[in-house]
C-alpha atoms as a PDB file:
ATOM      1  CA  MET A   1     -35.663 -20.737  13.070  1.00  0.00           C
ATOM      2  CA  PHE A   2     -38.324 -18.024  12.909  1.00  0.00           C
ATOM      3  CA  SER A   3     -40.962 -19.677  15.091  1.00  0.00           C
ATOM      4  CA  GLN A   4     -41.037 -16.834  17.663  1.00  0.00           C
ATOM      5  CA  LYS A   5     -41.340 -14.104  15.065  1.00  0.00           C
ATOM      6  CA  GLN A   6     -44.670 -12.339  14.638  1.00  0.00           C
ATOM      7  CA  ALA A   7     -43.757  -9.441  12.356  1.00  0.00           C
ATOM      8  CA  LEU A   8     -41.397  -8.643   9.497  1.00  0.00           C
ATOM      9  CA  LEU A   9     -39.897  -5.155   9.297  1.00  0.00           C
ATOM     10  CA  LEU A  10     -39.096  -4.869   5.604  1.00  0.00           C
ATOM     11  CA  ASP A  11     -36.609  -2.649   3.882  1.00  0.00           C
ATOM     12  CA  MET A  12     -37.766  -1.528   0.424  1.00  0.00           C
ATOM     13  CA  ASN A  13     -35.017  -0.587  -2.037  1.00  0.00           C
ATOM     14  CA  SER A  14     -33.327  -3.676  -3.489  1.00  0.00           C
ATOM     15  CA  THR A  15     -35.476  -5.781  -1.152  1.00  0.00           C
ATOM     16  CA  PHE A  16     -38.845  -5.609  -2.928  1.00  0.00           C
ATOM     17  CA  MET A  17     -38.355  -2.499  -5.093  1.00  0.00           C
ATOM     18  CA  PHE A  18     -35.791  -2.352  -7.888  1.00  0.00           C
ATOM     19  CA  ASP A  19     -34.284   0.043 -10.464  1.00  0.00           C
ATOM     20  CA  GLU A  20     -34.534   2.868  -7.965  1.00  0.00           C
ATOM     21  CA  ASP A  21     -32.245   5.918  -7.647  1.00  0.00           C
ATOM     22  CA  ARG A  22     -31.819   6.721 -11.322  1.00  0.00           C
ATOM     23  CA  PHE A  23     -29.402   9.613 -10.819  1.00  0.00           C
ATOM     24  CA  GLY A  24     -26.620   8.715 -13.230  1.00  0.00           C
ATOM     25  CA  GLU A  25     -24.642  11.301 -15.165  1.00  0.00           C
ATOM     26  CA  THR A  26     -26.598  10.655 -18.368  1.00  0.00           C
ATOM     27  CA  GLU A  27     -30.081  11.113 -16.849  1.00  0.00           C
ATOM     28  CA  ASP A  28     -32.144  13.897 -18.411  1.00  0.00           C
ATOM     29  CA  TYR A  29     -34.424  15.060 -15.609  1.00  0.00           C
ATOM     30  CA  SER A  30     -36.062  17.668 -17.806  1.00  0.00           C
ATOM     31  CA  ILE A  31     -38.100  14.990 -19.625  1.00  0.00           C
ATOM     32  CA  HIS A  32     -40.270  14.244 -16.592  1.00  0.00           C
ATOM     33  CA  TYR A  33     -40.060  17.805 -15.288  1.00  0.00           C
ATOM     34  CA  HIS A  34     -41.509  19.295 -18.479  1.00  0.00           C
ATOM     35  CA  LYS A  35     -44.304  16.684 -18.417  1.00  0.00           C
ATOM     36  CA  THR A  36     -45.354  18.199 -15.079  1.00  0.00           C
ATOM     37  CA  GLY A  37     -45.657  21.610 -16.747  1.00  0.00           C
ATOM     38  CA  GLY A  38     -42.382  23.013 -15.476  1.00  0.00           C
ATOM     39  CA  LEU A  39     -41.033  26.032 -17.335  1.00  0.00           C
ATOM     40  CA  LEU A  40     -37.326  26.045 -16.504  1.00  0.00           C
ATOM     41  CA  PRO A  41     -34.827  25.249 -19.292  1.00  0.00           C
ATOM     42  CA  LYS A  42     -33.455  21.719 -19.613  1.00  0.00           C
ATOM     43  CA  LYS A  43     -29.917  22.634 -18.558  1.00  0.00           C
ATOM     44  CA  GLU A  44     -31.087  24.482 -15.456  1.00  0.00           C
ATOM     45  CA  VAL A  45     -33.362  21.651 -14.300  1.00  0.00           C
ATOM     46  CA  ASN A  46     -30.624  19.062 -14.756  1.00  0.00           C
ATOM     47  CA  THR A  47     -28.154  21.220 -12.851  1.00  0.00           C
ATOM     48  CA  ILE A  48     -30.592  21.776  -9.974  1.00  0.00           C
ATOM     49  CA  ILE A  49     -31.385  18.078  -9.512  1.00  0.00           C
ATOM     50  CA  ARG A  50     -27.786  16.945  -9.872  1.00  0.00           C
ATOM     51  CA  SER A  51     -26.707  19.516  -7.286  1.00  0.00           C
ATOM     52  CA  ALA A  52     -29.484  18.525  -4.870  1.00  0.00           C
ATOM     53  CA  TYR A  53     -28.640  14.845  -5.298  1.00  0.00           C
ATOM     54  CA  ALA A  54     -24.934  15.463  -4.666  1.00  0.00           C
ATOM     55  CA  TYR A  55     -25.801  17.481  -1.543  1.00  0.00           C
ATOM     56  CA  LEU A  56     -27.898  14.637  -0.123  1.00  0.00           C
ATOM     57  CA  ASP A  57     -25.604  11.844  -1.291  1.00  0.00           C
ATOM     58  CA  GLU A  58     -22.670  13.397   0.554  1.00  0.00           C
ATOM     59  CA  ARG A  59     -24.645  13.602   3.794  1.00  0.00           C
ATOM     60  CA  TYR A  60     -26.437  10.250   3.682  1.00  0.00           C
ATOM     61  CA  PRO A  61     -23.617   8.171   5.230  1.00  0.00           C
ATOM     62  CA  ASP A  62     -22.557  10.975   7.599  1.00  0.00           C
ATOM     63  CA  GLU A  63     -23.423  10.156  11.206  1.00  0.00           C
ATOM     64  CA  LYS A  64     -24.018  13.868  11.894  1.00  0.00           C
ATOM     65  CA  TYR A  65     -27.191  13.704   9.776  1.00  0.00           C
ATOM     66  CA  ARG A  66     -28.488  10.360  11.041  1.00  0.00           C
ATOM     67  CA  TYR A  67     -31.233  12.027  13.090  1.00  0.00           C
ATOM     68  CA  SER A  68     -31.718  15.180  11.001  1.00  0.00           C
ATOM     69  CA  PHE A  69     -31.365  14.250   7.357  1.00  0.00           C
ATOM     70  CA  PRO A  70     -32.345  17.161   5.079  1.00  0.00           C
ATOM     71  CA  SER A  71     -35.322  17.040   2.738  1.00  0.00           C
ATOM     72  CA  VAL A  72     -35.091  17.279  -1.038  1.00  0.00           C
ATOM     73  CA  GLU A  73     -36.657  20.738  -0.864  1.00  0.00           C
ATOM     74  CA  ASN A  74     -34.051  21.803   1.672  1.00  0.00           C
ATOM     75  CA  ALA A  75     -31.292  20.453  -0.580  1.00  0.00           C
ATOM     76  CA  ILE A  76     -32.667  22.454  -3.508  1.00  0.00           C
ATOM     77  CA  GLN A  77     -32.782  25.632  -1.450  1.00  0.00           C
ATOM     78  CA  LYS A  78     -29.219  25.071  -0.219  1.00  0.00           C
ATOM     79  CA  THR A  79     -27.728  24.450  -3.658  1.00  0.00           C
ATOM     80  CA  VAL A  80     -29.628  26.856  -5.950  1.00  0.00           C
ATOM     81  CA  ALA A  81     -28.298  30.395  -6.115  1.00  0.00           C
ATOM     82  CA  CYS A  82     -31.463  32.020  -7.493  1.00  0.00           C
ATOM     83  CA  GLU A  83     -34.845  32.022  -5.787  1.00  0.00           C
ATOM     84  CA  LEU A  84     -37.357  29.589  -7.266  1.00  0.00           C
ATOM     85  CA  GLU A  85     -41.130  29.935  -7.218  1.00  0.00           C
ATOM     86  CA  ASN A  86     -42.918  27.465  -4.945  1.00  0.00           C
ATOM     87  CA  ASN A  87     -44.712  25.796  -7.849  1.00  0.00           C
ATOM     88  CA  GLU A  88     -41.384  25.192  -9.603  1.00  0.00           C
ATOM     89  CA  ILE A  89     -39.889  23.681  -6.433  1.00  0.00           C
ATOM     90  CA  THR A  90     -42.894  21.369  -6.243  1.00  0.00           C
ATOM     91  CA  LYS A  91     -42.332  20.205  -9.831  1.00  0.00           C
ATOM     92  CA  ILE A  92     -38.608  19.676  -9.216  1.00  0.00           C
ATOM     93  CA  VAL A  93     -39.320  17.629  -6.079  1.00  0.00           C
ATOM     94  CA  ASP A  94     -41.845  15.585  -8.069  1.00  0.00           C
ATOM     95  CA  THR A  95     -39.173  14.956 -10.713  1.00  0.00           C
ATOM     96  CA  PHE A  96     -36.641  13.971  -8.057  1.00  0.00           C
ATOM     97  CA  SER A  97     -39.207  11.517  -6.631  1.00  0.00           C
ATOM     98  CA  PHE A  98     -39.821  10.031 -10.072  1.00  0.00           C
ATOM     99  CA  HIS A  99     -36.127   9.252 -10.466  1.00  0.00           C
ATOM    100  CA  GLU A 100     -35.710   8.077  -6.866  1.00  0.00           C
ATOM    101  CA  MET A 101     -38.577   5.583  -7.031  1.00  0.00           C
ATOM    102  CA  GLY A 102     -38.208   2.167  -8.653  1.00  0.00           C
ATOM    103  CA  TYR A 103     -40.741  -0.528  -9.488  1.00  0.00           C
ATOM    104  CA  ILE A 104     -42.088  -3.585  -7.692  1.00  0.00           C
ATOM    105  CA  PRO A 105     -42.012  -6.800  -9.795  1.00  0.00           C
ATOM    106  CA  ASP A 106     -45.198  -8.861  -9.822  1.00  0.00           C
ATOM    107  CA  GLU A 107     -43.472 -11.854  -8.224  1.00  0.00           C
ATOM    108  CA  TYR A 108     -42.457  -9.678  -5.279  1.00  0.00           C
ATOM    109  CA  ILE A 109     -46.027  -8.427  -4.881  1.00  0.00           C
ATOM    110  CA  THR A 110     -47.118 -12.062  -4.728  1.00  0.00           C
ATOM    111  CA  ALA A 111     -44.383 -12.810  -2.176  1.00  0.00           C
ATOM    112  CA  LEU A 112     -45.493  -9.944   0.057  1.00  0.00           C
ATOM    113  CA  HIS A 113     -49.049 -11.268   0.064  1.00  0.00           C
ATOM    114  CA  LYS A 114     -47.773 -14.746   0.903  1.00  0.00           C
ATOM    115  CA  LEU A 115     -45.627 -13.448   3.778  1.00  0.00           C
ATOM    116  CA  ASN A 116     -48.613 -11.534   5.111  1.00  0.00           C
ATOM    117  CA  TYR A 117     -50.486 -14.791   5.626  1.00  0.00           C
ATOM    118  CA  LYS A 118     -47.942 -15.768   8.289  1.00  0.00           C
ATOM    119  CA  TYR A 119     -46.655 -12.439   9.639  1.00  0.00           C
ATOM    120  CA  LYS A 120     -47.657  -8.898  10.308  1.00  0.00           C
ATOM    121  CA  LEU A 121     -45.784  -6.782   7.794  1.00  0.00           C
ATOM    122  CA  ALA A 122     -44.226  -3.374   8.312  1.00  0.00           C
ATOM    123  CA  VAL A 123     -41.800  -1.224   6.338  1.00  0.00           C
ATOM    124  CA  VAL A 124     -38.749   0.728   7.503  1.00  0.00           C
ATOM    125  CA  ILE A 125     -37.828   2.824   4.484  1.00  0.00           C
ATOM    126  CA  ASP A 126     -35.155   5.390   3.740  1.00  0.00           C
ATOM    127  CA  ILE A 127     -36.277   7.758   0.993  1.00  0.00           C
ATOM    128  CA  TRP A 128     -35.233  11.344   0.384  1.00  0.00           C
ATOM    129  CA  SER A 129     -38.429  12.589  -1.293  1.00  0.00           C
ATOM    130  CA  PRO A 130     -41.888  12.915   0.275  1.00  0.00           C
ATOM    131  CA  LYS A 131     -43.581   9.526   0.588  1.00  0.00           C
ATOM    132  CA  SER A 132     -46.729  10.380  -1.438  1.00  0.00           C
ATOM    133  CA  ALA A 133     -45.445   8.883  -4.713  1.00  0.00           C
ATOM    134  CA  TRP A 134     -44.550   5.623  -2.964  1.00  0.00           C
ATOM    135  CA  LEU A 135     -47.918   5.398  -1.236  1.00  0.00           C
ATOM    136  CA  LYS A 136     -49.585   5.860  -4.620  1.00  0.00           C
ATOM    137  CA  LEU A 137     -47.481   3.040  -6.090  1.00  0.00           C
ATOM    138  CA  PHE A 138     -48.266   0.802  -3.107  1.00  0.00           C
ATOM    139  CA  SER A 139     -51.970   1.459  -3.675  1.00  0.00           C
ATOM    140  CA  GLU A 140     -51.734   0.778  -7.413  1.00  0.00           C
ATOM    141  CA  SER A 141     -49.821  -2.441  -6.672  1.00  0.00           C
ATOM    142  CA  GLY A 142     -52.410  -3.617  -4.141  1.00  0.00           C
ATOM    143  CA  ILE A 143     -49.976  -3.822  -1.235  1.00  0.00           C
ATOM    144  CA  GLU A 144     -50.770  -0.702   0.792  1.00  0.00           C
ATOM    145  CA  LYS A 145     -53.070  -2.583   3.182  1.00  0.00           C
ATOM    146  CA  LEU A 146     -50.466  -5.261   3.866  1.00  0.00           C
ATOM    147  CA  PHE A 147     -48.403  -2.981   6.087  1.00  0.00           C
ATOM    148  CA  ALA A 148     -49.579  -2.673   9.674  1.00  0.00           C
ATOM    149  CA  ALA A 149     -46.893  -0.088  10.499  1.00  0.00           C
ATOM    150  CA  SER A 150     -44.405   2.051   8.627  1.00  0.00           C
ATOM    151  CA  SER A 151     -41.481   4.422   8.924  1.00  0.00           C
ATOM    152  CA  PHE A 152     -40.454   6.679   6.037  1.00  0.00           C
ATOM    153  CA  SER A 153     -37.290   8.640   6.728  1.00  0.00           C
ATOM    154  CA  SER A 154     -38.557  11.672   4.807  1.00  0.00           C
ATOM    155  CA  ASP A 155     -41.334  11.998   7.410  1.00  0.00           C
ATOM    156  CA  HIS A 156     -39.026  12.433  10.387  1.00  0.00           C
ATOM    157  CA  GLY A 157     -35.460  12.899   9.098  1.00  0.00           C
ATOM    158  CA  MET A 158     -34.021   9.791  10.794  1.00  0.00           C
ATOM    159  CA  VAL A 159     -32.109   7.475   8.463  1.00  0.00           C
ATOM    160  CA  LYS A 160     -30.777   3.974   8.952  1.00  0.00           C
ATOM    161  CA  PRO A 161     -28.681   2.688  10.684  1.00  0.00           C
ATOM    162  CA  SER A 162     -30.346   4.792  13.368  1.00  0.00           C
ATOM    163  CA  PRO A 163     -32.228   2.336  15.609  1.00  0.00           C
ATOM    164  CA  GLU A 164     -35.088   4.808  16.135  1.00  0.00           C
ATOM    165  CA  PRO A 165     -37.143   4.016  12.995  1.00  0.00           C
ATOM    166  CA  PHE A 166     -37.047   0.320  13.901  1.00  0.00           C
ATOM    167  CA  ALA A 167     -38.035   1.070  17.499  1.00  0.00           C
ATOM    168  CA  GLN A 168     -40.930   3.249  16.325  1.00  0.00           C
ATOM    169  CA  VAL A 169     -42.286   0.470  14.112  1.00  0.00           C
ATOM    170  CA  ILE A 170     -41.957  -2.101  16.898  1.00  0.00           C
ATOM    171  CA  ALA A 171     -43.972   0.254  19.106  1.00  0.00           C
ATOM    172  CA  GLN A 172     -46.625   0.705  16.392  1.00  0.00           C
ATOM    173  CA  LEU A 173     -46.929  -3.059  16.088  1.00  0.00           C
ATOM    174  CA  ALA A 174     -47.167  -3.434  19.879  1.00  0.00           C
ATOM    175  CA  ILE A 175     -44.762  -6.387  19.932  1.00  0.00           C
ATOM    176  CA  ARG A 176     -41.523  -7.165  21.744  1.00  0.00           C
ATOM    177  CA  ASN A 177     -38.187  -6.773  19.981  1.00  0.00           C
ATOM    178  CA  ASN A 178     -37.604 -10.523  19.880  1.00  0.00           C
ATOM    179  CA  GLN A 179     -40.909 -10.973  18.052  1.00  0.00           C
ATOM    180  CA  GLY A 180     -39.798  -8.815  15.126  1.00  0.00           C
ATOM    181  CA  LEU A 181     -37.468  -9.661  12.259  1.00  0.00           C
ATOM    182  CA  VAL A 182     -35.852  -7.080  10.003  1.00  0.00           C
ATOM    183  CA  VAL A 183     -35.440  -8.102   6.348  1.00  0.00           C
ATOM    184  CA  GLY A 184     -33.146  -5.978   4.184  1.00  0.00           C
ATOM    185  CA  ASP A 185     -30.234  -5.946   1.790  1.00  0.00           C
ATOM    186  CA  SER A 186     -27.802  -3.577   3.515  1.00  0.00           C
ATOM    187  CA  ILE A 187     -25.305  -4.715   6.116  1.00  0.00           C
ATOM    188  CA  ARG A 188     -24.687  -1.177   7.349  1.00  0.00           C
ATOM    189  CA  ARG A 189     -28.206   0.238   7.242  1.00  0.00           C
ATOM    190  CA  ASP A 190     -30.532  -2.715   7.811  1.00  0.00           C
ATOM    191  CA  LEU A 191     -28.418  -5.116   9.861  1.00  0.00           C
ATOM    192  CA  GLY A 192     -26.643  -2.271  11.637  1.00  0.00           C
ATOM    193  CA  GLY A 193     -29.870  -0.492  12.521  1.00  0.00           C
ATOM    194  CA  ALA A 194     -31.625  -3.688  13.550  1.00  0.00           C
ATOM    195  CA  LYS A 195     -28.730  -4.741  15.767  1.00  0.00           C
ATOM    196  CA  ALA A 196     -28.639  -1.295  17.407  1.00  0.00           C
ATOM    197  CA  ALA A 197     -32.365  -1.610  18.094  1.00  0.00           C
ATOM    198  CA  GLY A 198     -32.023  -5.143  19.504  1.00  0.00           C
ATOM    199  CA  ILE A 199     -33.939  -6.837  16.666  1.00  0.00           C
ATOM    200  CA  ASP A 200     -32.864  -9.884  14.652  1.00  0.00           C
ATOM    201  CA  CYS A 201     -32.159  -9.384  10.956  1.00  0.00           C
ATOM    202  CA  VAL A 202     -32.191 -11.485   7.798  1.00  0.00           C
ATOM    203  CA  LEU A 203     -30.113 -10.266   4.857  1.00  0.00           C
ATOM    204  CA  VAL A 204     -31.318 -10.617   1.276  1.00  0.00           C
ATOM    205  CA  GLY A 205     -29.839  -9.544  -2.047  1.00  0.00           C
ATOM    206  CA  GLY A 206     -26.632 -11.511  -1.723  1.00  0.00           C
ATOM    207  CA  ALA A 207     -25.242  -9.694   1.331  1.00  0.00           C
ATOM    208  CA  GLU A 208     -23.748 -11.905   4.035  1.00  0.00           C
ATOM    209  CA  HIS A 209     -22.641 -11.205   7.592  1.00  0.00           C
ATOM    210  CA  PRO A 210     -22.158 -13.422  10.672  1.00  0.00           C
ATOM    211  CA  ASP A 211     -24.426 -11.172  12.739  1.00  0.00           C
ATOM    212  CA  ALA A 212     -27.389 -11.868  10.450  1.00  0.00           C
ATOM    213  CA  MET A 213     -29.846 -14.541  11.555  1.00  0.00           C
ATOM    214  CA  ALA A 214     -29.796 -15.906   7.992  1.00  0.00           C
ATOM    215  CA  CYS A 215     -28.860 -14.789   4.469  1.00  0.00           C
ATOM    216  CA  TYR A 216     -30.826 -15.353   1.266  1.00  0.00           C
ATOM    217  CA  GLU A 217     -30.248 -14.554  -2.393  1.00  0.00           C
ATOM    218  CA  ASN A 218     -33.412 -12.440  -2.439  1.00  0.00           C
ATOM    219  CA  LEU A 219     -36.804 -11.949  -0.787  1.00  0.00           C
ATOM    220  CA  LEU A 220     -38.315 -14.628  -2.997  1.00  0.00           C
ATOM    221  CA  ASP A 221     -35.906 -17.240  -1.630  1.00  0.00           C
ATOM    222  CA  PHE A 222     -36.751 -16.137   1.901  1.00  0.00           C
ATOM    223  CA  CYS A 223     -40.463 -16.381   1.103  1.00  0.00           C
ATOM    224  CA  HIS A 224     -40.045 -19.919  -0.245  1.00  0.00           C
ATOM    225  CA  LYS A 225     -39.016 -21.043   3.248  1.00  0.00           C
ATOM    226  CA  PHE A 226     -42.643 -20.744   4.333  1.00  0.00           C
END
């Protein structure tokens, strides 16, 4: 089924990273924030991050922001009435990143290495925070060198299902569209973006759709096909 494919364009969240986006009502953001040396009171920090998250969450599915999605710093500036010092903004963004980022299970790290034996790997990732924390985790997990190309939405402000991030990665890989295969868990973002870019898509995570080339329970099941 995948004999013509040379590269996998992988989604991240709920594809090989889990327990991400910890922004529930009971989260206390001040715990991590104060570990960074931040000086703002607990209540103020929690209010700032909850407001910034709500600002971004409202805009994420809005087509108007598909090619110009705001940064976390921009969201903070738009939702905070008082002026914050730059070093405090940096600590708040770091705290937002900490709660946005999940973890990569060991079995998924192994699967990525196995897939890399057969395919070039790339990532097409929607994140709201700067990518530095994720790159650090990739390095610590030993997977940073597996990816021959990448697109992080916080670099350029384009979010899925825009086809542009997929097209950019295809160009970086120097392959034709029919030689790439998108692997992700979201029908709207991953399948929708891949289809708009003219690239086949496999759904993982339990999602199913007739436009997908195939559907698997998770990335591990997909990996076991090879």
